Amino acid sequence: MAEAALRSGRNVSDVRLMAVTKTVDDDRLMEAIEAGVDIIGESYIQEAKRKIEKIGRPLEWHMIGHLQSNKARS
């Protein structure tokens, strides 16, 4: 990531890695968190809510893709 940032003229400190967990099981997600991942992207609000509760610690979460209006409140 550092090399790619430098090649593109960006500061290395401005680049952050987000792990996308769509279809990723809980054990793999926990492995990623234990390895240092602290930004998570999820496509489905139901899955994000379930994973957030299961993890039980604060991480930075992002919804990726389209969000249905009936799920926007969550």
Protein backbone atom coordinates (compact mmCIF):
# COMPACT_ATOMS: atom_id res chain seq x y z
CA MET A 1 0.00 0.00 0.00
CA ALA A 2 2.84 2.37 0.83
CA GLU A 3 4.46 1.89 -2.57
CA ALA A 4 1.15 2.42 -4.37
CA ALA A 5 0.51 5.61 -2.39
CA LEU A 6 3.93 6.98 -3.24
CA ARG A 7 3.54 6.09 -6.94
CA SER A 8 0.27 7.99 -7.06
CA GLY A 9 1.70 11.02 -5.26
CA ARG A 10 -0.32 10.53 -2.09
CA ASN A 11 0.90 10.59 1.47
CA VAL A 12 1.13 7.10 2.92
CA SER A 13 -0.63 8.33 6.06
CA ASP A 14 -3.67 9.35 3.96
CA VAL A 15 -4.30 5.80 2.75
CA ARG A 16 -6.33 3.40 4.89
CA LEU A 17 -7.32 -0.21 4.34
CA MET A 18 -10.97 -1.23 4.60
CA ALA A 19 -11.81 -4.94 4.79
CA VAL A 20 -15.09 -5.76 3.04
CA THR A 21 -16.93 -8.53 4.86
CA LYS A 22 -19.72 -9.35 2.42
CA THR A 23 -20.16 -13.15 2.58
CA VAL A 24 -17.24 -13.46 5.04
CA ASP A 25 -17.93 -15.72 7.99
CA ASP A 26 -17.45 -14.55 11.57
CA ASP A 27 -14.26 -16.54 12.21
CA ARG A 28 -12.51 -14.95 9.21
CA LEU A 29 -13.70 -11.51 10.28
CA MET A 30 -12.28 -12.04 13.77
CA GLU A 31 -8.96 -13.17 12.26
CA ALA A 32 -8.79 -9.96 10.25
CA ILE A 33 -9.54 -7.82 13.31
CA GLU A 34 -6.91 -9.66 15.33
CA ALA A 35 -4.45 -8.97 12.49
CA GLY A 36 -5.12 -5.25 12.81
CA VAL A 37 -8.09 -4.46 10.55
CA ASP A 38 -10.11 -1.65 12.11
CA ILE A 39 -12.24 -0.42 9.19
CA ILE A 40 -14.99 -2.74 7.98
CA GLY A 41 -17.22 -2.42 4.91
CA GLU A 42 -20.49 -4.32 4.64
CA SER A 43 -23.16 -4.45 1.94
CA TYR A 44 -26.13 -5.57 4.00
CA ILE A 45 -27.37 -3.67 7.06
CA GLN A 46 -28.71 -6.88 8.64
CA GLU A 47 -25.29 -8.51 8.40
CA ALA A 48 -23.53 -5.40 9.69
CA LYS A 49 -25.81 -5.19 12.71
CA ARG A 50 -25.28 -8.86 13.52
CA LYS A 51 -21.51 -8.61 13.12
CA ILE A 52 -21.29 -5.40 15.17
CA GLU A 53 -23.13 -7.09 18.04
CA LYS A 54 -21.00 -10.22 17.80
CA ILE A 55 -17.67 -8.34 17.75
CA GLY A 56 -18.63 -6.25 20.76
CA ARG A 57 -15.94 -3.60 20.37
CA PRO A 58 -15.84 -0.31 18.50
CA LEU A 59 -14.61 -0.38 14.92
CA GLU A 60 -15.21 1.97 12.02
CA TRP A 61 -18.02 0.60 9.83
CA HIS A 62 -19.02 1.69 6.32
CA MET A 63 -22.03 0.65 4.30
CA ILE A 64 -20.99 -0.03 0.72
CA GLY A 65 -23.22 -0.26 -2.31
CA HIS A 66 -26.87 0.65 -2.41
CA LEU A 67 -28.90 1.01 0.75
CA GLN A 68 -32.63 0.35 0.51
CA SER A 69 -34.68 3.27 1.81
CA ASN A 70 -36.63 0.98 4.17
CA LYS A 71 -33.35 0.10 5.92
CA ALA A 72 -31.85 3.60 6.05
CA ARG A 73 -33.09 4.25 9.60
CA SER A 74 -30.94 1.39 10.96
